[in-house]
Amino acid sequence: MNDIRRTILWVIFGFALVMLWDKWQVHNGHQATFFPMPTATAPAASAPGGAASATPAAAGGVPTAATATPGAVPSGQVPGQAAPAPAAQHERFEVSTDLLKLTFDTAGGSLVKAELLKNADTNDHTRNFVLLDDSAERVYMAQTGLIGAPTLPNHTTVMTAVPGPRALAEGSDTLQVRFESPAVDGVKLVKTYTLQRGSYALSVKHDIVNNGSAAITPQLYMQLVRDGNKPPGESSFYSTFTGPAVYTEAKKYQKVEFSDIEKNKATFEKQATNGYVAMVQHYFASAWLLGDGIARDLFARKVSNNLYAVGMITPVATVAPGATQSVEARLFVGPQLEKMMESLAPGLELVKDYGWLTILSKPLYWLLDKLHSVIQNWGWSIVALVVLLKIAFYWLNAKAYASMAKMKAVNPRIQEMRERLKDKPQEMQQAMMKMYKEEKINPLGGCFPIMIQIPVFIALYWVLLSSVEMRGAPWMLWIKDLSAPDPYFLLPIIMTLTTMLQTALNPAPPDPMQAKLMWFMPLAFSVMFFFFPSGLVLYWITNNILSIVQQWVINTRMGVPPQFNLPKFS
């Protein structure tokens, strides 16, 4: 009866794991494994350089104004909806530095495309990775403008691009791109982007020039507009966050799900004097950064079907007639390089999301980075890191394997006892406990030391999954990209074999059904690794091999010859 109960519990446990995995996939925006639904498509967008009435110029909409009464709306506009398209023709042009190739639109002086020159497209290594884009497939842009009156220049206003260099010259460290809006009721907005060599952060200066006859008190908004689709090519066997994020000193890093925005259930700090807003995806991010001590209202809202915006609104000091007021900000568009992001703004490195194990993941990444600075190969750095972790946990593992060896030594006696007392379960249980006490065996002694290490290895999993340094990084031979699955599945096969070998070396449970499930669970778990990044599989293989060696040595020292406990499926 006890065996039947245990079997049912194991089946329920396995089924629950499968269903939890499926729900986790759906929660993170992936297709369901068993009952997939159609994927949402990006909203239609015009071709670059199209008519002024096309989508790009109006995609983000003017955010709700926060004038004297927070939430007030300029005349004729609805919060979160697209503003009217500009009446004049707008055009687009490219600007390039050593790291970025950017496309600007004169409609609002918006950044509508960003190619990262040091990161290749994983689907086509001859092309650069495109982060920001405005095409038929996807929408992702950075916009700014003024609110506070219906006629102030905003991201739909067609501006004039001031002539100047469009590429970073040899020997020069900066490049400026300047836009000037037409005077609207005497108010003109001048927007100046300053690009720097070796930097993914653009300085963006907004000059509000009042040539009118009355003082104005405008507000400046900065927003990132993006469709709600997952990045193309993302694996369905592991999930990373895609969507808006808000950071403040008071509430720290706050992720905002697209689904919560859709349901008006998004919760995050709405007002602050520090922090940033960002759009985050696997390996890459964009963020608006504003200096500390400057008041701002933070927002995240739906713009239109499958299009969302996150941003901030900051008040501008009163601009008297004939005067100019300036607001300076920075726009980050690039890969999630942890050390670089730490230098840009407090908390910006948190867009590289380690989840609840950040406290363990950050020192592990630091150690991995130090190893790479010496080894100069990310694959061998992963191997070296796992070796160091196994050394650090050597004594814990030794106790676990010693306990397993003792269990293996008494296993024949347990089997004999089960056969002899199979009709007397209570007497059998008492006899087993007596034997454990006489032999000084703790049945859980092999589990507890390993359980302590699990958070560390989960944290390392997230380090390897989240680090953009793995993207396109070769290891050796056929492994050309540690962030991509093994093209020939050789590493997953080796990982499966080492997992089976490790299972065979462990003492078999007395219950035959449990013994079979001990083989089923690792094999089922191994299947997922066929679709995992090579770097993750490499780390798991290294851990398996080192565990097998240590277990073999300890068993031999304790006089328990290593033997393979193969399952009996008959």
Protein backbone atom coordinates (compact mmCIF):
# COMPACT_ATOMS: atom_id res chain seq x y z
CA MET A 1 0.00 0.00 0.00
CA ASN A 2 2.81 2.40 0.88
CA ASP A 3 4.52 1.64 -2.45
CA ILE A 4 1.31 2.49 -4.34
CA ARG A 5 0.94 5.76 -2.45
CA ARG A 6 4.55 6.70 -3.17
CA THR A 7 4.11 5.85 -6.83
CA ILE A 8 0.99 8.02 -7.11
CA LEU A 9 2.77 10.89 -5.38
CA TRP A 10 5.73 10.62 -7.77
CA VAL A 11 3.38 10.62 -10.78
CA ILE A 12 1.52 13.66 -9.43
CA PHE A 13 4.84 15.38 -8.73
CA GLY A 14 6.10 14.73 -12.28
CA PHE A 15 2.82 15.88 -13.83
CA ALA A 16 2.83 19.02 -11.67
CA LEU A 17 6.35 19.86 -12.85
CA VAL A 18 5.25 19.55 -16.48
CA MET A 19 2.18 21.74 -15.94
CA LEU A 20 4.14 24.33 -13.97
CA TRP A 21 6.66 24.51 -16.82
CA ASP A 22 3.84 25.04 -19.31
CA LYS A 23 2.22 27.78 -17.21
CA TRP A 24 5.62 29.42 -16.69
CA GLN A 25 6.07 29.56 -20.46
CA VAL A 26 2.67 31.20 -20.93
CA HIS A 27 3.29 33.64 -18.04
CA ASN A 28 6.48 34.83 -19.70
CA GLY A 29 4.85 35.39 -23.06
CA HIS A 30 5.93 32.15 -24.78
CA GLN A 31 3.74 29.71 -26.64
CA ALA A 32 2.17 27.05 -24.45
CA THR A 33 3.91 23.70 -24.88
CA PHE A 34 0.71 21.65 -25.25
CA PHE A 35 -1.98 24.07 -26.45
CA PRO A 36 -0.20 26.92 -28.25
CA MET A 37 -2.11 30.02 -29.26
CA PRO A 38 -1.38 32.28 -32.25
CA THR A 39 1.39 34.81 -31.63
CA ALA A 40 0.46 38.49 -31.61
CA THR A 41 1.78 40.51 -34.51
CA ALA A 42 3.40 43.89 -34.46
CA PRO A 43 1.25 46.89 -35.32
CA ALA A 44 1.46 48.10 -38.86
CA ALA A 45 4.12 50.73 -39.48
CA SER A 46 5.03 52.75 -42.50
CA ALA A 47 8.13 52.25 -44.55
CA PRO A 48 11.01 54.54 -43.61
CA GLY A 49 10.69 57.94 -45.07
CA GLY A 50 7.02 57.48 -45.87
CA ALA A 51 4.24 60.02 -45.80
CA ALA A 52 3.79 62.28 -42.83
CA SER A 53 0.50 60.64 -41.98
CA ALA A 54 2.12 57.22 -41.49
CA THR A 55 2.39 55.41 -38.18
CA PRO A 56 5.99 56.07 -37.04
CA ALA A 57 5.60 59.71 -36.21
CA ALA A 58 2.50 59.13 -34.16
CA ALA A 59 3.17 55.66 -32.79
CA GLY A 60 3.82 56.62 -29.21
CA GLY A 61 1.16 59.26 -28.73
CA VAL A 62 1.64 62.26 -26.46
CA PRO A 63 1.65 61.04 -22.84
CA THR A 64 -0.81 62.37 -20.32
CA ALA A 65 0.24 65.83 -19.25
CA ALA A 66 1.00 66.34 -15.59
CA THR A 67 0.34 70.02 -15.20
CA ALA A 68 -1.11 71.62 -12.10
CA THR A 69 -3.49 68.69 -11.85
CA PRO A 70 -1.73 65.36 -12.46
CA GLY A 71 -3.36 63.55 -15.35
CA ALA A 72 -4.67 66.65 -17.11
CA VAL A 73 -4.81 66.23 -20.88
CA PRO A 74 -4.04 68.73 -23.64
CA SER A 75 -7.12 69.84 -25.53
CA GLY A 76 -8.38 67.32 -28.05
CA GLN A 77 -6.15 64.44 -26.84
CA VAL A 78 -6.86 61.25 -24.94
CA PRO A 79 -4.28 59.69 -22.58
CA GLY A 80 -2.26 56.96 -24.26
CA GLN A 81 -3.73 57.48 -27.72
CA ALA A 82 -1.81 58.55 -30.79
CA ALA A 83 -1.56 62.25 -31.51
CA PRO A 84 -2.46 63.66 -34.93
CA ALA A 85 0.15 63.02 -37.63
CA PRO A 86 2.34 65.97 -38.66
CA ALA A 87 1.19 68.04 -41.57
CA ALA A 88 4.62 68.30 -43.24
CA GLN A 89 6.83 65.69 -44.82
CA HIS A 90 9.36 64.07 -42.53
CA GLU A 91 12.57 62.31 -43.48
CA ARG A 92 15.04 59.88 -42.00
CA PHE A 93 18.82 59.72 -42.03
CA GLU A 94 21.60 57.60 -40.53
CA VAL A 95 24.33 58.55 -38.09
CA SER A 96 27.16 56.22 -37.08
CA THR A 97 29.85 55.90 -34.41
CA ASP A 98 32.28 53.08 -33.66
CA LEU A 99 29.52 51.20 -31.77
CA LEU A 100 26.18 52.38 -33.17
CA LYS A 101 24.45 53.05 -36.45
CA LEU A 102 21.38 55.15 -35.62
CA THR A 103 18.44 56.24 -37.74
CA PHE A 104 16.71 59.50 -36.77
CA ASP A 105 13.36 60.79 -37.96
CA THR A 106 12.78 64.50 -38.33
CA ALA A 107 9.27 63.88 -36.98
CA GLY A 108 10.03 64.92 -33.41
CA GLY A 109 13.75 64.24 -33.87
CA SER A 110 12.98 60.67 -32.71
CA LEU A 111 15.39 57.75 -32.69
CA VAL A 112 13.65 55.05 -34.73
CA LYS A 113 16.39 52.51 -35.37
CA ALA A 114 19.59 51.42 -33.62
CA GLU A 115 22.04 48.89 -35.03
CA LEU A 116 24.71 47.61 -32.65
CA LEU A 117 27.89 47.31 -34.69
CA LYS A 118 29.69 45.04 -32.21
CA ASN A 119 26.81 42.55 -31.95
CA ALA A 120 25.82 40.32 -34.84
CA ASP A 121 22.33 39.09 -35.58
CA THR A 122 22.18 35.49 -34.33
CA ASN A 123 20.04 34.45 -37.31
CA ASP A 124 22.39 36.06 -39.84
CA HIS A 125 25.93 36.70 -38.62
CA THR A 126 26.66 38.91 -41.64
CA ARG A 127 24.19 41.52 -40.31
CA ASN A 128 24.33 43.78 -37.27
CA PHE A 129 21.90 43.23 -34.43
CA VAL A 130 19.02 45.73 -34.59
CA LEU A 131 17.63 46.81 -31.20
CA LEU A 132 15.41 49.80 -31.92
CA ASP A 133 13.43 49.48 -35.13
CA ASP A 134 10.37 50.74 -36.96
CA SER A 135 9.36 48.28 -39.65
CA ALA A 136 6.49 46.09 -40.71
CA GLU A 137 7.69 43.39 -38.28
CA ARG A 138 8.30 45.41 -35.13
CA VAL A 139 8.08 48.85 -33.51
CA TYR A 140 10.57 50.09 -30.91
CA MET A 141 11.46 53.80 -30.72
CA ALA A 142 12.71 56.54 -28.39
CA GLN A 143 10.76 59.81 -28.37
CA THR A 144 10.64 63.12 -26.50
CA GLY A 145 8.54 66.27 -26.62
CA LEU A 146 6.82 69.04 -24.68
CA ILE A 147 3.38 69.07 -23.09
CA GLY A 148 1.47 71.66 -21.07
CA ALA A 149 -0.34 73.34 -23.95
CA PRO A 150 -1.96 71.98 -27.11
CA THR A 151 0.51 73.59 -29.50
CA LEU A 152 3.90 72.87 -27.92
CA PRO A 153 6.39 70.92 -30.06
CA ASN A 154 6.21 67.18 -29.39
CA HIS A 155 7.35 63.95 -31.02
CA THR A 156 4.90 64.44 -33.91
CA THR A 157 6.23 67.88 -34.82
CA VAL A 158 8.32 67.80 -37.99
CA MET A 159 11.66 69.39 -37.15
CA THR A 160 14.63 70.56 -39.20
CA ALA A 161 17.84 68.57 -38.99
CA VAL A 162 20.76 71.01 -38.76
CA PRO A 163 23.40 70.09 -41.39
CA GLY A 164 26.55 68.53 -39.98
CA PRO A 165 28.69 65.38 -39.96
CA ARG A 166 26.77 62.13 -39.99
CA ALA A 167 29.66 59.84 -39.02
CA LEU A 168 32.20 59.98 -36.21
CA ALA A 169 35.38 61.29 -37.80
CA GLU A 170 38.75 59.63 -37.30
CA GLY A 171 40.45 61.23 -34.31
CA SER A 172 37.19 62.74 -33.03
CA ASP A 173 35.49 61.55 -29.84
CA THR A 174 32.09 63.23 -30.19
CA LEU A 175 29.44 63.74 -32.82
CA GLN A 176 26.42 66.03 -32.53
CA VAL A 177 23.02 65.69 -34.22
CA ARG A 178 20.78 68.75 -33.84
CA PHE A 179 17.07 69.23 -34.52
CA GLU A 180 15.10 72.49 -34.42
CA SER A 181 11.34 72.67 -34.41
CA PRO A 182 9.42 75.50 -36.07
CA ALA A 183 8.23 78.18 -33.65
CA VAL A 184 4.73 77.30 -32.47
CA ASP A 185 3.09 80.33 -30.83
CA GLY A 186 6.62 81.63 -30.40
CA VAL A 187 7.92 78.46 -28.66
CA LYS A 188 10.71 76.46 -30.27
CA LEU A 189 12.27 73.17 -29.15
CA VAL A 190 15.92 72.51 -30.00
CA LYS A 191 17.06 68.92 -29.44
CA THR A 192 20.77 68.06 -29.51
CA TYR A 193 22.07 64.48 -29.40
CA THR A 194 25.74 64.07 -28.51
CA LEU A 195 27.23 60.70 -29.40
CA GLN A 196 30.56 59.63 -27.93
CA ARG A 197 33.19 57.20 -29.10
CA GLY A 198 33.07 53.92 -27.19
CA SER A 199 29.72 54.68 -25.56
CA TYR A 200 26.19 53.35 -25.88
CA ALA A 201 24.81 56.36 -24.00
CA LEU A 202 23.69 59.45 -25.92
CA SER A 203 23.50 62.83 -24.21
CA VAL A 204 20.24 64.53 -25.18
CA LYS A 205 19.86 68.26 -24.50
CA HIS A 206 16.46 69.96 -24.84
CA ASP A 207 16.48 73.75 -25.21
CA ILE A 208 13.05 75.36 -24.86
CA VAL A 209 13.21 78.76 -26.52
CA ASN A 210 10.37 81.23 -25.83
CA ASN A 211 10.16 83.92 -28.50
CA GLY A 212 6.54 84.62 -27.64
CA SER A 213 5.02 87.40 -25.60
CA ALA A 214 3.90 85.32 -22.57
CA ALA A 215 5.73 83.14 -20.10
CA ILE A 216 5.22 79.39 -20.41
CA THR A 217 5.63 76.50 -17.96
CA PRO A 218 6.00 73.39 -20.12
CA GLN A 219 6.87 69.84 -19.19
CA LEU A 220 9.25 67.52 -21.00
CA TYR A 221 8.38 63.89 -21.59
CA MET A 222 10.79 61.12 -22.60
CA GLN A 223 9.39 57.75 -23.60
CA LEU A 224 10.26 54.39 -25.10
CA VAL A 225 7.59 52.87 -27.32
CA ARG A 226 7.60 49.17 -28.14
CA ASP A 227 5.33 46.41 -29.39
CA GLY A 228 4.50 43.64 -26.95
CA ASN A 229 6.08 40.75 -28.87
CA LYS A 230 8.98 38.67 -27.63
CA PRO A 231 12.27 39.24 -29.47
CA PRO A 232 12.49 37.12 -32.62
CA GLY A 233 14.32 33.83 -32.27
CA GLU A 234 14.02 33.56 -28.48
CA SER A 235 13.95 29.97 -27.26
CA SER A 236 10.73 28.55 -25.87
CA PHE A 237 12.65 26.28 -23.49
CA TYR A 238 13.92 29.06 -21.25
CA SER A 239 12.39 32.43 -20.56
CA THR A 240 13.70 35.91 -19.89
CA PHE A 241 11.78 39.10 -19.18
CA THR A 242 10.72 41.39 -22.03
CA GLY A 243 9.00 44.66 -21.23
CA PRO A 244 9.17 47.99 -19.39
CA ALA A 245 11.06 48.51 -16.15
CA VAL A 246 11.19 51.38 -13.66
CA TYR A 247 13.93 52.04 -11.12
CA THR A 248 13.86 54.42 -8.16
CA GLU A 249 15.96 54.56 -5.01
CA ALA A 250 12.87 53.97 -2.86
CA LYS A 251 11.38 50.94 -4.66
CA LYS A 252 14.46 49.75 -6.58
CA TYR A 253 14.00 47.70 -9.74
CA GLN A 254 10.38 47.20 -10.78
CA LYS A 255 9.45 45.11 -13.81
CA VAL A 256 6.17 45.93 -15.55
CA GLU A 257 4.50 43.17 -17.54
CA PHE A 258 2.80 44.09 -20.82
CA SER A 259 -0.17 42.01 -19.67
CA ASP A 260 -0.49 44.11 -16.50
CA ILE A 261 -0.49 47.31 -18.55
CA GLU A 262 -3.16 45.78 -20.77
CA LYS A 263 -5.33 45.09 -17.70
CA ASN A 264 -4.54 48.43 -16.00
CA LYS A 265 -2.97 46.47 -13.14
CA ALA A 266 0.62 47.67 -13.50
CA THR A 267 2.09 48.65 -10.13
CA PHE A 268 5.25 50.74 -9.80
CA GLU A 269 6.33 53.98 -8.20
CA LYS A 270 4.71 56.84 -10.07
CA GLN A 271 6.75 59.80 -8.74
CA ALA A 272 10.41 60.17 -7.84
CA THR A 273 13.41 62.47 -7.95
CA ASN A 274 15.83 59.81 -9.17
CA GLY A 275 16.03 56.62 -11.20
CA TYR A 276 15.25 55.70 -14.78
CA VAL A 277 12.74 54.05 -17.11
CA ALA A 278 13.74 51.25 -19.46
CA MET A 279 12.65 48.70 -22.03
CA VAL A 280 14.30 45.36 -21.37
CA GLN A 281 14.80 42.19 -23.36
CA HIS A 282 17.25 39.29 -23.31
CA TYR A 283 20.82 40.65 -23.46
CA PHE A 284 19.82 44.22 -24.47
CA ALA A 285 18.04 47.29 -23.10
CA SER A 286 17.22 50.93 -23.68
CA ALA A 287 16.72 53.49 -20.93
CA TRP A 288 16.05 57.18 -20.36
CA LEU A 289 18.33 58.54 -17.63
CA LEU A 290 17.68 61.82 -15.85
CA GLY A 291 19.89 63.38 -13.20
CA ASP A 292 19.17 62.86 -9.49
CA GLY A 293 17.23 65.54 -7.65
CA ILE A 294 14.99 66.31 -10.64
CA ALA A 295 11.29 65.67 -10.03
CA ARG A 296 9.58 63.35 -12.47
CA ASP A 297 6.31 61.49 -12.99
CA LEU A 298 6.77 57.92 -14.22
CA PHE A 299 4.27 56.22 -16.51
CA ALA A 300 3.67 52.98 -18.39
CA ARG A 301 0.62 52.71 -20.63
CA LYS A 302 -0.90 51.10 -23.65
CA VAL A 303 -0.69 53.24 -26.77
CA SER A 304 -2.66 51.14 -29.24
CA ASN A 305 -3.16 47.51 -30.18
CA ASN A 306 -0.04 45.63 -28.99
CA LEU A 307 1.93 48.88 -28.58
CA TYR A 308 3.11 50.15 -25.19
CA ALA A 309 5.04 53.10 -23.79
CA VAL A 310 7.12 53.66 -20.67
CA GLY A 311 8.53 57.06 -19.81
CA MET A 312 8.88 60.01 -17.52
CA ILE A 313 7.56 63.57 -17.42
CA THR A 314 9.61 66.29 -15.78
CA PRO A 315 8.63 69.93 -15.21
CA VAL A 316 10.60 72.70 -16.88
CA ALA A 317 11.19 75.96 -15.04
CA THR A 318 9.07 78.88 -16.23
CA VAL A 319 10.41 80.21 -19.52
CA ALA A 320 10.00 83.97 -19.70
CA PRO A 321 9.55 85.77 -23.05
CA GLY A 322 12.93 85.95 -24.80
CA ALA A 323 14.47 83.32 -22.44
CA THR A 324 15.64 79.72 -22.86
CA GLN A 325 15.46 76.83 -20.42
CA SER A 326 17.41 73.59 -20.87
CA VAL A 327 16.90 70.02 -19.67
CA GLU A 328 19.64 67.45 -20.16
CA ALA A 329 19.11 63.68 -20.15
CA ARG A 330 20.81 60.59 -21.48
CA LEU A 331 19.52 57.76 -23.62
CA PHE A 332 21.12 54.33 -23.25
CA VAL A 333 20.73 51.92 -26.17
CA GLY A 334 22.89 48.83 -26.08
CA PRO A 335 23.92 45.47 -24.63
CA GLN A 336 23.62 44.65 -20.94
CA LEU A 337 27.33 44.94 -20.11
CA GLU A 338 27.24 44.96 -16.33
CA LYS A 339 30.33 47.05 -15.52
CA MET A 340 29.49 49.61 -18.19
CA MET A 341 25.90 50.02 -16.97
CA GLU A 342 27.05 50.41 -13.35
CA SER A 343 29.14 53.40 -14.44
CA LEU A 344 26.20 55.10 -16.22
CA ALA A 345 23.57 55.28 -13.48
CA PRO A 346 22.78 53.71 -10.09
CA GLY A 347 20.79 50.52 -10.54
CA LEU A 348 21.03 50.43 -14.34
CA GLU A 349 22.91 47.12 -14.17
CA LEU A 350 19.72 45.57 -12.73
CA VAL A 351 18.19 45.43 -16.21
CA LYS A 352 20.44 42.38 -16.44
CA ASP A 353 17.91 40.45 -14.44
CA TYR A 354 19.17 37.71 -12.11
CA GLY A 355 15.84 37.47 -10.31
CA TRP A 356 15.67 36.73 -6.60
CA LEU A 357 19.20 35.29 -6.54
CA THR A 358 20.91 38.56 -7.47
CA ILE A 359 22.83 38.55 -4.17
CA LEU A 360 24.54 35.32 -5.29
CA SER A 361 24.64 35.96 -9.03
CA LYS A 362 26.55 39.25 -8.91
CA PRO A 363 29.63 37.84 -7.11
CA LEU A 364 29.54 34.78 -9.40
CA TYR A 365 29.55 37.05 -12.45
CA TRP A 366 32.41 39.08 -10.93
CA LEU A 367 34.44 35.89 -10.47
CA LEU A 368 33.60 34.66 -13.98
CA ASP A 369 34.67 38.01 -15.42
CA LYS A 370 37.97 37.88 -13.50
CA LEU A 371 38.63 34.37 -14.78
CA HIS A 372 37.92 35.50 -18.33
CA SER A 373 40.39 38.38 -17.99
CA VAL A 374 43.07 35.73 -17.42
CA ILE A 375 41.88 32.84 -19.62
CA GLN A 376 40.47 34.97 -22.48
CA ASN A 377 37.90 32.32 -23.41
CA TRP A 378 34.40 32.32 -21.96
CA GLY A 379 33.96 28.56 -22.38
CA TRP A 380 37.09 27.66 -20.42
CA SER A 381 36.21 30.39 -17.91
CA ILE A 382 32.92 28.57 -17.24
CA VAL A 383 34.82 25.32 -16.70
CA ALA A 384 37.27 27.06 -14.34
CA LEU A 385 34.44 28.66 -12.37
CA VAL A 386 32.68 25.31 -11.83
CA VAL A 387 35.99 23.79 -10.71
CA LEU A 388 36.42 26.57 -8.13
CA LEU A 389 32.85 26.06 -6.89
CA LYS A 390 33.41 22.31 -6.55
CA ILE A 391 36.55 23.02 -4.53
CA ALA A 392 34.63 25.46 -2.32
CA PHE A 393 31.92 22.86 -1.68
CA TYR A 394 34.28 19.89 -1.50
CA TRP A 395 33.63 19.01 2.14
CA LEU A 396 29.86 19.33 1.78
CA ASN A 397 29.94 17.04 -1.23
CA ALA A 398 32.26 14.66 0.57
CA LYS A 399 29.74 14.26 3.39
CA ALA A 400 26.91 13.71 0.92
CA TYR A 401 28.80 11.06 -1.05
CA ALA A 402 30.01 9.38 2.15
CA SER A 403 26.40 9.07 3.27
CA MET A 404 25.45 7.64 -0.13
CA ALA A 405 28.31 5.14 0.10
CA LYS A 406 27.07 3.93 3.49
CA MET A 407 23.57 3.58 2.07
CA LYS A 408 24.94 1.59 -0.84
CA ALA A 409 26.86 -0.71 1.56
CA VAL A 410 23.71 -1.65 3.50
CA ASN A 411 21.45 -1.76 0.45
CA PRO A 412 21.57 -5.59 0.15
CA ARG A 413 20.46 -5.91 3.80
CA ILE A 414 17.60 -3.49 3.17
CA GLN A 415 16.47 -5.47 0.14
CA GLU A 416 16.54 -8.70 2.16
CA MET A 417 14.58 -7.00 4.96
CA ARG A 418 11.93 -5.75 2.53
CA GLU A 419 11.42 -9.22 1.13
CA ARG A 420 11.29 -10.85 4.55
CA LEU A 421 8.94 -8.28 6.14
CA LYS A 422 6.93 -7.18 3.09
CA ASP A 423 3.68 -8.14 4.82
CA LYS A 424 4.63 -6.33 8.04
CA PRO A 425 5.31 -2.72 7.02
CA GLN A 426 5.39 -1.34 10.54
CA GLU A 427 7.89 -3.97 11.74
CA MET A 428 9.96 -3.41 8.60
CA GLN A 429 10.07 0.34 9.24
CA GLN A 430 11.23 -0.19 12.82
CA ALA A 431 13.91 -2.67 11.71
CA MET A 432 15.23 -0.24 9.10
CA MET A 433 15.41 2.63 11.59
CA LYS A 434 17.27 0.37 14.04
CA MET A 435 19.76 -0.59 11.36
CA TYR A 436 20.30 3.08 10.38
CA LYS A 437 20.99 3.90 14.01
CA GLU A 438 23.43 1.01 14.48
CA GLU A 439 25.32 1.84 11.28
CA LYS A 440 25.19 5.62 12.03
CA ILE A 441 23.48 6.38 8.75
CA ASN A 442 21.32 9.42 8.14
CA PRO A 443 18.95 8.61 5.23
CA LEU A 444 18.84 12.32 4.38
CA GLY A 445 22.59 12.80 4.81
CA GLY A 446 23.19 12.62 1.07
CA CYS A 447 20.49 15.19 0.26
CA PHE A 448 21.06 18.02 2.71
CA PRO A 449 24.62 19.01 1.63
CA ILE A 450 23.50 19.02 -2.00
CA MET A 451 20.38 21.07 -1.21
CA ILE A 452 22.57 23.80 0.30
CA GLN A 453 24.43 24.16 -3.00
CA ILE A 454 21.35 24.34 -5.23
CA PRO A 455 20.83 28.15 -4.88
CA VAL A 456 24.46 28.73 -5.92
CA PHE A 457 24.11 26.65 -9.06
CA ILE A 458 20.75 28.23 -9.91
CA ALA A 459 22.40 31.64 -9.51
CA LEU A 460 25.19 30.54 -11.86
CA TYR A 461 22.53 29.34 -14.31
CA TRP A 462 21.09 32.87 -14.43
CA VAL A 463 24.55 34.42 -14.78
CA LEU A 464 25.25 32.32 -17.85
CA LEU A 465 21.75 32.82 -19.27
CA SER A 466 21.77 36.60 -18.79
CA SER A 467 25.33 37.57 -19.73
CA VAL A 468 25.53 39.11 -23.18
CA GLU A 469 29.24 38.25 -23.22
CA MET A 470 28.20 34.67 -24.02
CA ARG A 471 26.39 35.86 -27.14
CA GLY A 472 28.53 34.96 -30.14
CA ALA A 473 31.41 33.83 -27.88
CA PRO A 474 33.15 30.67 -29.16
CA TRP A 475 34.49 27.89 -26.96
CA MET A 476 36.31 25.40 -29.19
CA LEU A 477 35.86 23.22 -32.26
CA TRP A 478 32.19 23.25 -33.30
CA ILE A 479 30.92 25.49 -30.48
CA LYS A 480 30.99 28.93 -32.08
CA ASP A 481 28.35 30.60 -29.89
CA LEU A 482 27.94 29.78 -26.19
CA SER A 483 24.53 31.49 -26.13
CA ALA A 484 23.14 29.20 -28.86
CA PRO A 485 22.22 25.50 -28.64
CA ASP A 486 24.82 22.98 -29.78
CA PRO A 487 24.15 22.62 -33.54
CA TYR A 488 25.08 18.92 -33.45
CA PHE A 489 23.58 18.15 -29.99
CA LEU A 490 26.88 16.59 -28.88
CA LEU A 491 27.08 18.54 -25.60
CA PRO A 492 23.48 17.65 -24.59
CA ILE A 493 24.19 13.97 -25.38
CA ILE A 494 27.33 14.06 -23.21
CA MET A 495 25.36 15.82 -20.49
CA THR A 496 22.66 13.13 -20.62
CA LEU A 497 25.24 10.33 -20.43
CA THR A 498 27.00 11.92 -17.44
CA THR A 499 23.64 12.40 -15.72
CA MET A 500 22.79 8.72 -16.27
CA LEU A 501 26.23 7.68 -14.98
CA GLN A 502 25.78 9.80 -11.88
CA THR A 503 22.33 8.29 -11.28
CA ALA A 504 23.74 4.78 -11.70
CA LEU A 505 26.40 5.44 -9.06
CA ASN A 506 23.82 6.50 -6.48
CA PRO A 507 22.27 3.84 -4.23
CA ALA A 508 19.04 2.53 -5.69
CA PRO A 509 15.91 3.19 -3.61
CA PRO A 510 14.41 0.07 -2.02
CA ASP A 511 11.09 0.71 -3.78
CA PRO A 512 11.34 -0.54 -7.43
CA MET A 513 8.96 2.13 -8.69
CA GLN A 514 11.01 4.89 -7.03
CA ALA A 515 14.13 3.36 -8.57
CA LYS A 516 12.56 3.66 -12.04
CA LEU A 517 11.46 7.24 -11.38
CA MET A 518 15.00 8.09 -10.29
CA TRP A 519 15.97 7.37 -13.89
CA PHE A 520 12.95 8.93 -15.51
CA MET A 521 13.31 12.40 -13.91
CA PRO A 522 16.95 13.04 -14.91
CA LEU A 523 16.27 11.83 -18.44
CA ALA A 524 13.23 14.10 -18.76
CA PHE A 525 15.27 16.97 -17.37
CA SER A 526 18.06 16.26 -19.85
CA VAL A 527 15.70 16.64 -22.82
CA MET A 528 15.38 20.38 -22.12
CA PHE A 529 19.16 20.79 -22.37
CA PHE A 530 19.03 19.91 -26.06
CA PHE A 531 17.55 23.39 -26.56
CA PHE A 532 19.54 25.29 -23.92
CA PRO A 533 22.52 27.56 -24.69
CA SER A 534 25.81 25.67 -25.04
CA GLY A 535 27.34 27.63 -22.16
CA LEU A 536 24.69 26.32 -19.76
CA VAL A 537 25.13 22.75 -20.96
CA LEU A 538 28.92 23.06 -20.63
CA TYR A 539 28.60 24.21 -17.03
CA TRP A 540 26.29 21.28 -16.20
CA ILE A 541 28.58 18.73 -17.88
CA THR A 542 31.58 20.03 -15.94
CA ASN A 543 29.65 19.84 -12.69
CA ASN A 544 28.49 16.28 -13.47
CA ILE A 545 31.99 15.04 -14.33
CA LEU A 546 33.56 16.55 -11.21
CA SER A 547 30.76 15.10 -9.06
CA ILE A 548 31.27 11.63 -10.56
CA VAL A 549 35.03 11.75 -9.95
CA GLN A 550 34.58 12.87 -6.33
CA GLN A 551 31.89 10.26 -5.69
CA TRP A 552 34.07 7.50 -7.21
CA VAL A 553 37.08 8.48 -5.08
CA ILE A 554 35.06 8.63 -1.85
CA ASN A 555 33.35 5.29 -2.49
CA THR A 556 36.71 3.65 -3.14
CA ARG A 557 38.24 5.14 0.02
CA MET A 558 35.33 3.87 2.12
CA GLY A 559 35.72 0.34 0.80
CA VAL A 560 32.49 0.47 -1.17
CA PRO A 561 33.52 -0.40 -4.74
CA PRO A 562 31.67 1.81 -7.25
CA GLN A 563 28.96 -0.16 -9.00
CA PHE A 564 26.26 0.75 -11.42
CA ASN A 565 22.69 0.37 -10.16
CA LEU A 566 20.82 -0.02 -13.41
CA PRO A 567 17.01 0.07 -13.39
CA LYS A 568 14.91 -3.01 -13.94
CA PHE A 569 12.02 -2.11 -16.22
CA SER A 570 10.65 -5.61 -16.54
